């Protein structure tokens, strides 16, 4: 299953290690095989690992590709073997047997448009050191969750809503979403959740 977490401080201040660690601890059940962190200048990635494809330590996350790309990823890319062969022909190199590394190589080759080539389910964030950007993506049907919240100071993301709650000043129901569910049984039909977006 795996789980991801991330914090970006918009004021360029460093992320406090205890904040990202507490976010990651909330999803320990998603990844009993290990955890990892990456700390950038004003952001941090966290990861909980459930080893499935590459069971070795080479599949540990956050994963690096060269010196410029770092990813935290939850999901599975079904066509990763075919993509790896295509990318090898284009000059990309691989150190693991994981689909995670294929995502990084695909991003390295095709940029943000790499996701159009993926057949699978995913939620990930890639830090591109060369361009100083963070690219986040979720699969087309939202099979793998990617919850996020932002205000003027911070952008946070995670695999479960409870990771986001500590960053809200108060918690209140989104009445329209609750009604949609109670009256029509609708769930996940919009980009909104059962919680209002409140600033902290």
N, C-alpha and C. Protein backbone atom coordinates (compact mmCIF):
# COMPACT_ATOMS: atom_id res chain seq x y z
N UNK A 1 0.83 -1.21 0.00
CA UNK A 1 0.00 0.00 0.00
C UNK A 1 0.86 1.25 0.00
N UNK A 2 1.82 1.35 0.89
CA UNK A 2 2.71 2.52 1.01
C UNK A 2 1.95 3.80 1.38
N UNK A 3 2.68 4.82 1.74
CA UNK A 3 2.09 6.10 2.07
C UNK A 3 3.09 7.21 1.88
N UNK A 4 2.58 8.38 1.52
CA UNK A 4 3.44 9.54 1.29
C UNK A 4 3.04 10.69 2.20
N UNK A 5 3.99 11.57 2.42
CA UNK A 5 3.70 12.79 3.17
C UNK A 5 4.67 13.87 2.73
N UNK A 6 4.23 15.12 2.83
CA UNK A 6 5.10 16.20 2.42
C UNK A 6 4.67 17.53 2.98
N UNK A 7 5.65 18.39 3.20
CA UNK A 7 5.42 19.75 3.69
C UNK A 7 6.30 20.69 2.88
N UNK A 8 5.71 21.76 2.38
CA UNK A 8 6.46 22.80 1.68
C UNK A 8 6.18 24.12 2.39
N UNK A 9 7.21 24.77 2.89
CA UNK A 9 7.07 26.08 3.53
C UNK A 9 7.27 27.17 2.48
N UNK A 10 6.23 27.93 2.23
CA UNK A 10 6.28 28.95 1.19
C UNK A 10 7.18 30.13 1.55
N UNK A 11 7.48 30.30 2.84
CA UNK A 11 8.35 31.40 3.26
C UNK A 11 9.83 31.02 3.20
N UNK A 12 10.12 29.84 2.63
CA UNK A 12 11.50 29.36 2.43
C UNK A 12 12.17 28.89 3.71
N UNK A 13 11.43 28.80 4.82
CA UNK A 13 12.04 28.32 6.06
C UNK A 13 12.13 26.79 6.05
N UNK A 14 13.11 26.24 6.78
CA UNK A 14 13.24 24.78 6.84
C UNK A 14 12.05 24.13 7.54
N UNK A 15 11.72 22.92 7.13
CA UNK A 15 10.66 22.14 7.78
C UNK A 15 11.22 21.52 9.06
N UNK A 16 10.47 21.65 10.15
CA UNK A 16 10.89 21.04 11.40
C UNK A 16 10.76 19.52 11.29
N UNK A 17 11.83 18.78 11.58
CA UNK A 17 11.80 17.32 11.41
C UNK A 17 10.65 16.63 12.14
N UNK A 18 10.28 17.14 13.34
CA UNK A 18 9.21 16.48 14.09
C UNK A 18 7.86 16.59 13.39
N UNK A 19 7.66 17.62 12.56
CA UNK A 19 6.39 17.78 11.85
C UNK A 19 6.21 16.70 10.79
N UNK A 20 7.23 16.49 9.96
CA UNK A 20 7.10 15.48 8.91
C UNK A 20 7.12 14.07 9.51
N UNK A 21 7.85 13.90 10.60
CA UNK A 21 7.87 12.58 11.24
C UNK A 21 6.52 12.24 11.85
N UNK A 22 5.86 13.23 12.44
CA UNK A 22 4.53 12.97 13.02
C UNK A 22 3.50 12.69 11.93
N UNK A 23 3.62 13.36 10.77
CA UNK A 23 2.75 13.05 9.64
C UNK A 23 2.95 11.61 9.18
N UNK A 24 4.20 11.20 9.11
CA UNK A 24 4.52 9.85 8.65
C UNK A 24 4.07 8.80 9.66
N UNK A 25 4.19 9.12 10.95
CA UNK A 25 3.78 8.17 11.99
C UNK A 25 2.29 7.86 11.92
N UNK A 26 1.50 8.81 11.44
CA UNK A 26 0.06 8.61 11.35
C UNK A 26 -0.34 7.56 10.32
N UNK A 27 0.58 7.22 9.43
CA UNK A 27 0.26 6.23 8.39
C UNK A 27 1.22 5.04 8.45
N UNK A 28 1.69 4.72 9.63
CA UNK A 28 2.62 3.60 9.78
C UNK A 28 2.00 2.29 9.31
N UNK A 29 0.68 2.17 9.45
CA UNK A 29 -0.02 0.96 9.02
C UNK A 29 0.04 0.74 7.51
N UNK A 30 0.31 1.82 6.75
CA UNK A 30 0.35 1.70 5.30
C UNK A 30 1.69 1.13 4.80
N UNK A 31 2.71 1.19 5.65
CA UNK A 31 4.03 0.75 5.21
C UNK A 31 4.86 0.21 6.34
N UNK A 32 4.66 -1.05 6.69
CA UNK A 32 5.39 -1.64 7.82
C UNK A 32 6.83 -2.02 7.50
N UNK A 33 7.24 -1.93 6.22
CA UNK A 33 8.57 -2.40 5.82
C UNK A 33 9.65 -1.33 5.90
N UNK A 34 9.30 -0.15 6.31
CA UNK A 34 10.33 0.87 6.45
C UNK A 34 9.79 2.27 6.25
N UNK A 35 10.63 3.25 6.60
CA UNK A 35 10.28 4.64 6.39
C UNK A 35 11.50 5.40 5.92
N UNK A 36 11.25 6.55 5.32
CA UNK A 36 12.35 7.37 4.87
C UNK A 36 11.94 8.82 4.79
N UNK A 37 12.94 9.71 4.80
CA UNK A 37 12.69 11.15 4.74
C UNK A 37 13.71 11.82 3.84
N UNK A 38 13.29 12.93 3.26
CA UNK A 38 14.22 13.79 2.55
C UNK A 38 13.92 15.22 2.95
N UNK A 39 14.95 15.97 3.32
CA UNK A 39 14.79 17.35 3.74
C UNK A 39 15.48 18.27 2.74
N UNK A 40 14.68 19.13 2.11
CA UNK A 40 15.21 20.15 1.23
C UNK A 40 15.33 21.47 1.99
N UNK A 41 15.62 22.51 1.26
CA UNK A 41 15.81 23.82 1.90
C UNK A 41 14.56 24.29 2.62
N UNK A 42 13.41 24.16 1.98
CA UNK A 42 12.16 24.62 2.59
C UNK A 42 11.04 23.59 2.49
N UNK A 43 11.41 22.32 2.29
CA UNK A 43 10.39 21.27 2.18
C UNK A 43 10.94 19.96 2.73
N UNK A 44 10.02 19.02 2.94
CA UNK A 44 10.40 17.68 3.38
C UNK A 44 9.44 16.67 2.80
N UNK A 45 9.97 15.52 2.40
CA UNK A 45 9.19 14.38 1.95
C UNK A 45 9.30 13.28 3.00
N UNK A 46 8.19 12.56 3.20
CA UNK A 46 8.20 11.37 4.03
C UNK A 46 7.62 10.21 3.26
N UNK A 47 7.98 8.99 3.67
CA UNK A 47 7.47 7.80 2.99
C UNK A 47 7.38 6.63 3.95
N UNK A 48 6.29 5.86 3.84
CA UNK A 48 6.14 4.58 4.54
C UNK A 48 6.11 3.50 3.47
N UNK A 49 6.94 2.48 3.62
CA UNK A 49 7.12 1.50 2.56
C UNK A 49 6.47 0.15 2.85
N UNK A 50 5.71 -0.33 1.85
CA UNK A 50 5.26 -1.71 1.79
C UNK A 50 5.95 -2.29 0.56
N UNK A 51 6.97 -3.12 0.76
CA UNK A 51 7.78 -3.63 -0.35
C UNK A 51 7.01 -4.68 -1.14
N UNK A 52 6.86 -4.42 -2.46
CA UNK A 52 6.10 -5.35 -3.30
C UNK A 52 6.91 -5.76 -4.53
N UNK A 53 7.34 -4.79 -5.33
CA UNK A 53 8.01 -5.14 -6.59
C UNK A 53 9.50 -5.40 -6.37
N UNK A 54 10.24 -4.41 -5.93
CA UNK A 54 11.66 -4.58 -5.62
C UNK A 54 11.79 -4.67 -4.11
N UNK A 55 12.02 -5.88 -3.60
CA UNK A 55 12.02 -6.10 -2.15
C UNK A 55 13.34 -5.70 -1.50
N UNK A 56 14.35 -5.37 -2.30
CA UNK A 56 15.66 -5.03 -1.76
C UNK A 56 15.66 -3.60 -1.22
N UNK A 57 16.77 -3.25 -0.58
CA UNK A 57 16.94 -1.88 -0.08
C UNK A 57 17.03 -0.87 -1.22
N UNK A 58 17.27 -1.36 -2.45
CA UNK A 58 17.33 -0.46 -3.60
C UNK A 58 15.99 0.23 -3.85
N UNK A 59 14.91 -0.37 -3.34
CA UNK A 59 13.58 0.21 -3.53
C UNK A 59 13.19 1.20 -2.45
N UNK A 60 14.12 1.50 -1.55
CA UNK A 60 13.83 2.42 -0.45
C UNK A 60 13.47 3.82 -0.98
N UNK A 61 12.56 4.47 -0.28
CA UNK A 61 12.15 5.83 -0.63
C UNK A 61 12.25 6.75 0.59
N UNK A 62 12.32 8.05 0.31
CA UNK A 62 12.39 8.72 -0.98
C UNK A 62 13.59 8.23 -1.80
N UNK A 63 13.34 8.10 -3.12
CA UNK A 63 14.34 7.56 -4.03
C UNK A 63 14.96 8.66 -4.88
N UNK A 64 16.24 8.52 -5.11
CA UNK A 64 16.98 9.47 -5.95
C UNK A 64 17.15 8.91 -7.36
N UNK A 65 17.20 9.81 -8.33
CA UNK A 65 17.58 9.44 -9.69
C UNK A 65 18.63 10.44 -10.13
N UNK A 66 19.88 9.98 -10.22
CA UNK A 66 20.97 10.91 -10.47
C UNK A 66 21.11 11.87 -9.29
N UNK A 67 21.52 13.07 -9.58
CA UNK A 67 21.71 14.07 -8.53
C UNK A 67 20.57 15.07 -8.44
N UNK A 68 19.61 14.98 -9.37
CA UNK A 68 18.64 16.07 -9.48
C UNK A 68 17.19 15.71 -9.15
N UNK A 69 16.84 14.42 -9.08
CA UNK A 69 15.44 14.04 -8.90
C UNK A 69 15.26 13.19 -7.64
N UNK A 70 14.24 13.52 -6.84
CA UNK A 70 13.89 12.77 -5.64
C UNK A 70 12.38 12.58 -5.63
N UNK A 71 11.93 11.35 -5.31
CA UNK A 71 10.50 11.05 -5.34
C UNK A 71 10.04 10.39 -4.05
N UNK A 72 8.79 10.68 -3.66
CA UNK A 72 8.05 9.86 -2.71
C UNK A 72 6.80 9.40 -3.45
N UNK A 73 6.56 8.08 -3.45
CA UNK A 73 5.58 7.48 -4.37
C UNK A 73 4.79 6.38 -3.68
N UNK A 74 3.50 6.37 -3.95
CA UNK A 74 2.61 5.30 -3.53
C UNK A 74 1.86 4.81 -4.75
N UNK A 75 1.89 3.50 -4.99
CA UNK A 75 1.12 2.98 -6.11
C UNK A 75 1.84 1.89 -6.87
N UNK A 76 1.38 1.69 -8.10
CA UNK A 76 1.99 0.69 -8.97
C UNK A 76 1.78 1.11 -10.42
N UNK A 77 2.87 1.09 -11.18
CA UNK A 77 2.80 1.37 -12.61
C UNK A 77 2.82 0.02 -13.33
N UNK A 78 1.69 -0.37 -13.91
CA UNK A 78 1.55 -1.71 -14.47
C UNK A 78 2.44 -1.94 -15.68
N UNK A 79 2.66 -0.90 -16.47
CA UNK A 79 3.46 -1.06 -17.69
C UNK A 79 4.91 -0.61 -17.50
N UNK A 80 5.42 -0.73 -16.27
CA UNK A 80 6.76 -0.22 -16.00
C UNK A 80 7.85 -1.00 -16.73
N UNK A 81 7.64 -2.30 -16.97
CA UNK A 81 8.65 -3.09 -17.66
C UNK A 81 8.81 -2.62 -19.11
N UNK A 82 7.68 -2.40 -19.79
CA UNK A 82 7.73 -1.89 -21.16
C UNK A 82 8.33 -0.49 -21.20
N UNK A 83 7.96 0.34 -20.25
CA UNK A 83 8.50 1.70 -20.21
C UNK A 83 10.01 1.69 -19.94
N UNK A 84 10.44 0.79 -19.06
CA UNK A 84 11.87 0.71 -18.78
C UNK A 84 12.66 0.38 -20.04
N UNK A 85 12.17 -0.57 -20.83
CA UNK A 85 12.86 -0.93 -22.07
C UNK A 85 12.90 0.23 -23.05
N UNK A 86 11.78 0.95 -23.16
CA UNK A 86 11.74 2.11 -24.04
C UNK A 86 12.73 3.18 -23.57
N UNK A 87 12.76 3.40 -22.26
CA UNK A 87 13.64 4.43 -21.70
C UNK A 87 15.11 4.05 -21.83
N UNK A 88 15.41 2.77 -21.72
CA UNK A 88 16.79 2.33 -21.92
C UNK A 88 17.27 2.67 -23.32
N UNK A 89 16.40 2.46 -24.30
CA UNK A 89 16.75 2.77 -25.69
C UNK A 89 16.98 4.27 -25.88
N UNK A 90 16.35 5.08 -25.01
CA UNK A 90 16.51 6.53 -25.08
C UNK A 90 17.68 7.04 -24.25
N UNK A 91 18.39 6.10 -23.61
CA UNK A 91 19.59 6.48 -22.88
C UNK A 91 19.46 6.58 -21.38
N UNK A 92 18.28 6.30 -20.84
CA UNK A 92 18.11 6.34 -19.39
C UNK A 92 18.72 5.08 -18.76
N UNK A 93 19.28 5.24 -17.57
CA UNK A 93 19.93 4.12 -16.89
C UNK A 93 19.18 3.76 -15.61
N UNK A 94 19.30 2.49 -15.21
CA UNK A 94 18.55 1.99 -14.07
C UNK A 94 19.45 1.22 -13.11
N UNK A 95 19.19 1.43 -11.82
CA UNK A 95 19.95 0.76 -10.77
C UNK A 95 19.09 -0.23 -9.98
N UNK A 96 17.75 -0.19 -10.18
CA UNK A 96 16.85 -1.04 -9.42
C UNK A 96 15.89 -1.76 -10.37
N UNK A 97 15.06 -2.62 -9.78
CA UNK A 97 14.01 -3.31 -10.54
C UNK A 97 12.65 -2.69 -10.25
N UNK A 98 12.62 -1.51 -9.67
CA UNK A 98 11.37 -0.92 -9.18
C UNK A 98 10.67 -0.07 -10.22
N UNK A 99 9.34 0.00 -10.08
CA UNK A 99 8.57 0.91 -10.93
C UNK A 99 8.77 2.37 -10.49
N UNK A 100 9.22 2.56 -9.25
CA UNK A 100 9.50 3.91 -8.76
C UNK A 100 10.59 4.56 -9.60
N UNK A 101 11.65 3.81 -9.86
CA UNK A 101 12.74 4.35 -10.65
C UNK A 101 12.31 4.63 -12.09
N UNK A 102 11.38 3.82 -12.60
CA UNK A 102 10.86 4.06 -13.95
C UNK A 102 10.12 5.40 -14.01
N UNK A 103 9.37 5.73 -12.96
CA UNK A 103 8.70 7.03 -12.92
C UNK A 103 9.73 8.15 -13.00
N UNK A 104 10.81 8.03 -12.23
CA UNK A 104 11.85 9.06 -12.23
C UNK A 104 12.53 9.18 -13.59
N UNK A 105 12.83 8.04 -14.19
CA UNK A 105 13.47 8.06 -15.51
C UNK A 105 12.53 8.65 -16.56
N UNK A 106 11.23 8.33 -16.44
CA UNK A 106 10.24 8.87 -17.37
C UNK A 106 10.12 10.38 -17.21
N UNK A 107 10.13 10.84 -15.97
CA UNK A 107 10.11 12.28 -15.74
C UNK A 107 11.36 12.93 -16.29
N UNK A 108 12.50 12.29 -16.09
CA UNK A 108 13.76 12.81 -16.59
C UNK A 108 13.75 12.92 -18.12
N UNK A 109 13.06 11.99 -18.77
CA UNK A 109 13.00 11.98 -20.22
C UNK A 109 11.92 12.91 -20.78
N UNK A 110 10.74 12.87 -20.18
CA UNK A 110 9.59 13.56 -20.77
C UNK A 110 9.00 14.69 -19.92
N UNK A 111 9.55 14.93 -18.75
CA UNK A 111 9.01 15.98 -17.90
C UNK A 111 7.63 15.63 -17.38
N UNK A 112 6.82 16.65 -17.09
CA UNK A 112 5.49 16.44 -16.52
C UNK A 112 4.60 15.57 -17.38
N UNK A 113 4.84 15.54 -18.68
CA UNK A 113 3.98 14.75 -19.58
C UNK A 113 4.21 13.26 -19.43
N UNK A 114 5.17 12.86 -18.60
CA UNK A 114 5.43 11.43 -18.39
C UNK A 114 4.19 10.69 -17.93
N UNK A 115 3.32 11.38 -17.18
CA UNK A 115 2.15 10.70 -16.61
C UNK A 115 1.20 10.19 -17.69
N UNK A 116 1.24 10.79 -18.87
CA UNK A 116 0.36 10.34 -19.96
C UNK A 116 0.76 8.96 -20.46
N UNK A 117 1.96 8.51 -20.10
CA UNK A 117 2.45 7.20 -20.53
C UNK A 117 2.24 6.11 -19.48
N UNK A 118 1.79 6.49 -18.30
CA UNK A 118 1.63 5.52 -17.22
C UNK A 118 0.29 4.82 -17.28
N UNK A 119 0.33 3.52 -17.13
CA UNK A 119 -0.88 2.71 -16.94
C UNK A 119 -0.77 2.16 -15.53
N UNK A 120 -1.60 2.67 -14.64
CA UNK A 120 -1.50 2.22 -13.26
C UNK A 120 -2.25 3.11 -12.30
N UNK A 121 -1.85 3.02 -11.06
CA UNK A 121 -2.46 3.84 -10.00
C UNK A 121 -1.30 4.44 -9.21
N UNK A 122 -1.39 5.73 -8.94
CA UNK A 122 -0.24 6.38 -8.30
C UNK A 122 -0.61 7.67 -7.60
N UNK A 123 0.22 8.02 -6.67
CA UNK A 123 0.24 9.34 -6.04
C UNK A 123 1.69 9.61 -5.71
N UNK A 124 2.25 10.69 -6.23
CA UNK A 124 3.66 10.95 -5.98
C UNK A 124 3.97 12.43 -6.02
N UNK A 125 5.15 12.75 -5.48
CA UNK A 125 5.73 14.09 -5.58
C UNK A 125 7.18 13.92 -5.97
N UNK A 126 7.61 14.67 -6.96
CA UNK A 126 8.99 14.64 -7.43
C UNK A 126 9.62 16.02 -7.23
N UNK A 127 10.75 16.05 -6.56
CA UNK A 127 11.53 17.27 -6.46
C UNK A 127 12.56 17.28 -7.57
N UNK A 128 12.52 18.33 -8.38
CA UNK A 128 13.45 18.52 -9.49
C UNK A 128 14.45 19.59 -9.06
N UNK A 129 15.61 19.16 -8.63
CA UNK A 129 16.60 20.08 -8.09
C UNK A 129 17.10 21.06 -9.15
N UNK A 130 17.23 20.60 -10.39
CA UNK A 130 17.75 21.44 -11.46
C UNK A 130 16.82 22.62 -11.73
N UNK A 131 15.52 22.36 -11.74
CA UNK A 131 14.53 23.40 -12.03
C UNK A 131 13.92 24.03 -10.79
N UNK A 132 14.30 23.50 -9.60
CA UNK A 132 13.75 23.99 -8.33
C UNK A 132 12.23 23.94 -8.33
N UNK A 133 11.67 22.79 -8.72
CA UNK A 133 10.22 22.60 -8.74
C UNK A 133 9.86 21.31 -8.02
N UNK A 134 8.62 21.24 -7.56
CA UNK A 134 8.05 20.01 -7.02
C UNK A 134 6.81 19.70 -7.83
N UNK A 135 6.82 18.54 -8.47
CA UNK A 135 5.72 18.10 -9.34
C UNK A 135 4.95 17.01 -8.62
N UNK A 136 3.65 17.24 -8.41
CA UNK A 136 2.78 16.27 -7.74
C UNK A 136 1.77 15.73 -8.74
N UNK A 137 1.46 14.44 -8.63
CA UNK A 137 0.51 13.83 -9.55
C UNK A 137 -0.25 12.70 -8.87
N UNK A 138 -1.49 12.55 -9.29
CA UNK A 138 -2.34 11.45 -8.84
C UNK A 138 -2.93 10.79 -10.07
N UNK A 139 -3.17 9.47 -10.01
CA UNK A 139 -3.72 8.77 -11.17
C UNK A 139 -5.09 9.32 -11.56
N UNK A 140 -5.49 9.02 -12.76
CA UNK A 140 -6.67 9.64 -13.39
C UNK A 140 -7.96 9.44 -12.60
N UNK A 141 -8.09 8.28 -11.95
CA UNK A 141 -9.33 7.98 -11.23
C UNK A 141 -9.19 8.14 -9.72
N UNK A 142 -8.04 8.58 -9.27
CA UNK A 142 -7.85 8.80 -7.84
C UNK A 142 -7.87 7.52 -7.03
N UNK A 143 -7.43 6.42 -7.63
CA UNK A 143 -7.37 5.16 -6.89
C UNK A 143 -6.41 5.29 -5.70
N UNK A 144 -5.27 5.90 -5.95
CA UNK A 144 -4.33 6.19 -4.87
C UNK A 144 -4.57 7.61 -4.38
N UNK A 145 -4.88 7.76 -3.11
CA UNK A 145 -5.26 9.09 -2.60
C UNK A 145 -4.09 10.05 -2.50
N UNK A 146 -4.40 11.31 -2.74
CA UNK A 146 -3.43 12.39 -2.58
C UNK A 146 -4.19 13.59 -2.02
N UNK A 147 -4.26 13.68 -0.70
CA UNK A 147 -4.95 14.78 -0.04
C UNK A 147 -3.96 15.92 0.17
N UNK A 148 -4.46 17.15 0.03
CA UNK A 148 -3.57 18.29 0.23
C UNK A 148 -4.33 19.47 0.81
N UNK A 149 -3.56 20.36 1.40
CA UNK A 149 -4.09 21.60 1.96
C UNK A 149 -3.02 22.67 1.80
N UNK A 150 -3.47 23.89 1.50
CA UNK A 150 -2.50 24.98 1.45
C UNK A 150 -3.12 26.26 1.97
N UNK A 151 -2.26 27.08 2.52
CA UNK A 151 -2.62 28.44 2.88
C UNK A 151 -1.47 29.35 2.45
N UNK A 152 -1.40 30.54 2.99
CA UNK A 152 -0.35 31.48 2.57
C UNK A 152 1.05 31.03 2.97
N UNK A 153 1.12 30.16 3.98
CA UNK A 153 2.42 29.78 4.53
C UNK A 153 2.90 28.41 4.08
N UNK A 154 1.96 27.48 3.90
CA UNK A 154 2.35 26.08 3.77
C UNK A 154 1.51 25.34 2.74
N UNK A 155 2.13 24.37 2.09
CA UNK A 155 1.42 23.37 1.28
C UNK A 155 1.80 22.01 1.86
N UNK A 156 0.78 21.23 2.25
CA UNK A 156 1.03 19.91 2.82
C UNK A 156 0.23 18.87 2.04
N UNK A 157 0.77 17.65 1.95
CA UNK A 157 0.06 16.58 1.27
C UNK A 157 0.29 15.27 1.98
N UNK A 158 -0.63 14.34 1.77
CA UNK A 158 -0.50 13.03 2.39
C UNK A 158 -1.45 12.02 1.80
N UNK A 159 -1.27 10.77 2.18
CA UNK A 159 -2.10 9.68 1.69
C UNK A 159 -3.43 9.56 2.43
N UNK A 160 -3.53 10.20 3.60
CA UNK A 160 -4.77 10.15 4.38
C UNK A 160 -5.08 11.53 4.94
N UNK A 161 -6.38 11.79 5.08
CA UNK A 161 -6.83 13.10 5.55
C UNK A 161 -6.29 13.41 6.95
N UNK A 162 -6.16 12.39 7.79
CA UNK A 162 -5.73 12.66 9.16
C UNK A 162 -4.33 13.26 9.22
N UNK A 163 -3.54 13.09 8.16
CA UNK A 163 -2.23 13.74 8.13
C UNK A 163 -2.33 15.24 7.96
N UNK A 164 -3.45 15.69 7.38
CA UNK A 164 -3.64 17.10 7.09
C UNK A 164 -4.26 17.85 8.28
N UNK A 165 -5.03 17.15 9.08
CA UNK A 165 -5.80 17.79 10.15
C UNK A 165 -4.97 18.65 11.10
N UNK A 166 -3.76 18.25 11.50
CA UNK A 166 -2.99 19.10 12.42
C UNK A 166 -2.66 20.48 11.87
N UNK A 167 -2.79 20.67 10.57
CA UNK A 167 -2.46 21.96 9.96
C UNK A 167 -3.67 22.88 9.85
N UNK A 168 -4.86 22.39 10.26
CA UNK A 168 -6.07 23.20 10.21
C UNK A 168 -6.32 23.85 11.56
N UNK A 169 -6.75 25.10 11.54
CA UNK A 169 -7.02 25.80 12.79
C UNK A 169 -8.29 25.28 13.45
N UNK A 170 -9.23 24.83 12.64
CA UNK A 170 -10.45 24.20 13.16
C UNK A 170 -10.98 23.24 12.11
N UNK A 171 -11.77 22.28 12.57
CA UNK A 171 -12.30 21.26 11.67
C UNK A 171 -13.81 21.42 11.59
N UNK A 172 -14.31 21.54 10.37
CA UNK A 172 -15.74 21.75 10.17
C UNK A 172 -16.21 20.95 8.96
N UNK A 173 -17.44 20.48 9.00
CA UNK A 173 -17.97 19.67 7.92
C UNK A 173 -18.28 20.51 6.69
N UNK A 174 -18.04 19.93 5.53
CA UNK A 174 -18.48 20.51 4.26
C UNK A 174 -19.90 20.01 4.04
N UNK A 175 -20.88 20.85 4.38
CA UNK A 175 -22.28 20.41 4.40
C UNK A 175 -22.76 19.89 3.04
N UNK A 176 -22.32 20.51 1.96
CA UNK A 176 -22.76 20.06 0.64
C UNK A 176 -22.28 18.64 0.35
N UNK A 177 -21.04 18.35 0.70
CA UNK A 177 -20.50 17.01 0.47
C UNK A 177 -21.19 15.97 1.35
N UNK A 178 -21.49 16.36 2.59
CA UNK A 178 -22.20 15.45 3.49
C UNK A 178 -23.59 15.15 2.94
N UNK A 179 -24.29 16.20 2.46
CA UNK A 179 -25.62 15.99 1.88
C UNK A 179 -25.56 15.13 0.63
N UNK A 180 -24.57 15.37 -0.22
CA UNK A 180 -24.42 14.55 -1.42
C UNK A 180 -24.30 13.08 -1.07
N UNK A 181 -23.58 12.80 0.00
CA UNK A 181 -23.38 11.41 0.41
C UNK A 181 -24.65 10.83 1.04
N UNK A 182 -25.28 11.59 1.95
CA UNK A 182 -26.44 11.07 2.67
C UNK A 182 -27.67 10.93 1.77
N UNK A 183 -27.84 11.87 0.84
CA UNK A 183 -29.03 11.86 0.00
C UNK A 183 -28.85 11.00 -1.26
N UNK A 184 -27.71 11.14 -1.91
CA UNK A 184 -27.52 10.46 -3.19
C UNK A 184 -26.46 9.35 -3.15
N UNK A 185 -25.75 9.23 -2.05
CA UNK A 185 -24.72 8.21 -1.96
C UNK A 185 -23.46 8.53 -2.74
N UNK A 186 -23.29 9.81 -3.13
CA UNK A 186 -22.12 10.21 -3.91
C UNK A 186 -20.88 10.29 -3.02
N UNK A 187 -19.81 9.73 -3.52
CA UNK A 187 -18.51 9.84 -2.83
C UNK A 187 -17.44 10.09 -3.89
N UNK A 188 -16.48 10.93 -3.56
CA UNK A 188 -15.34 11.19 -4.45
C UNK A 188 -15.76 11.63 -5.84
N UNK A 189 -16.84 12.39 -5.93
CA UNK A 189 -17.32 12.84 -7.25
C UNK A 189 -16.84 14.25 -7.57
N UNK A 190 -16.16 14.88 -6.63
CA UNK A 190 -15.56 16.19 -6.86
C UNK A 190 -14.17 16.19 -6.24
N UNK A 191 -13.49 17.32 -6.32
CA UNK A 191 -12.15 17.43 -5.73
C UNK A 191 -12.22 17.74 -4.23
N UNK A 192 -13.44 17.88 -3.68
CA UNK A 192 -13.59 18.27 -2.28
C UNK A 192 -13.81 17.05 -1.40
N UNK A 193 -13.56 17.23 -0.09
CA UNK A 193 -13.75 16.17 0.89
C UNK A 193 -14.92 16.55 1.80
N UNK A 194 -15.13 15.74 2.84
CA UNK A 194 -16.19 16.04 3.80
C UNK A 194 -15.81 17.19 4.74
N UNK A 195 -14.60 17.69 4.63
CA UNK A 195 -14.14 18.77 5.49
C UNK A 195 -14.04 20.08 4.70
N UNK A 196 -14.42 21.17 5.36
CA UNK A 196 -14.23 22.48 4.75
C UNK A 196 -12.74 22.80 4.68
N UNK A 197 -12.38 23.59 3.69
CA UNK A 197 -11.01 24.06 3.61
C UNK A 197 -10.91 25.31 4.48
N UNK A 198 -10.16 25.16 5.57
CA UNK A 198 -10.03 26.24 6.52
C UNK A 198 -8.56 26.62 6.65
N UNK A 199 -8.30 27.89 6.83
CA UNK A 199 -6.91 28.31 7.00
C UNK A 199 -6.46 28.03 8.42
N UNK A 200 -5.15 27.92 8.57
CA UNK A 200 -4.61 27.67 9.93
C UNK A 200 -3.85 28.88 10.40
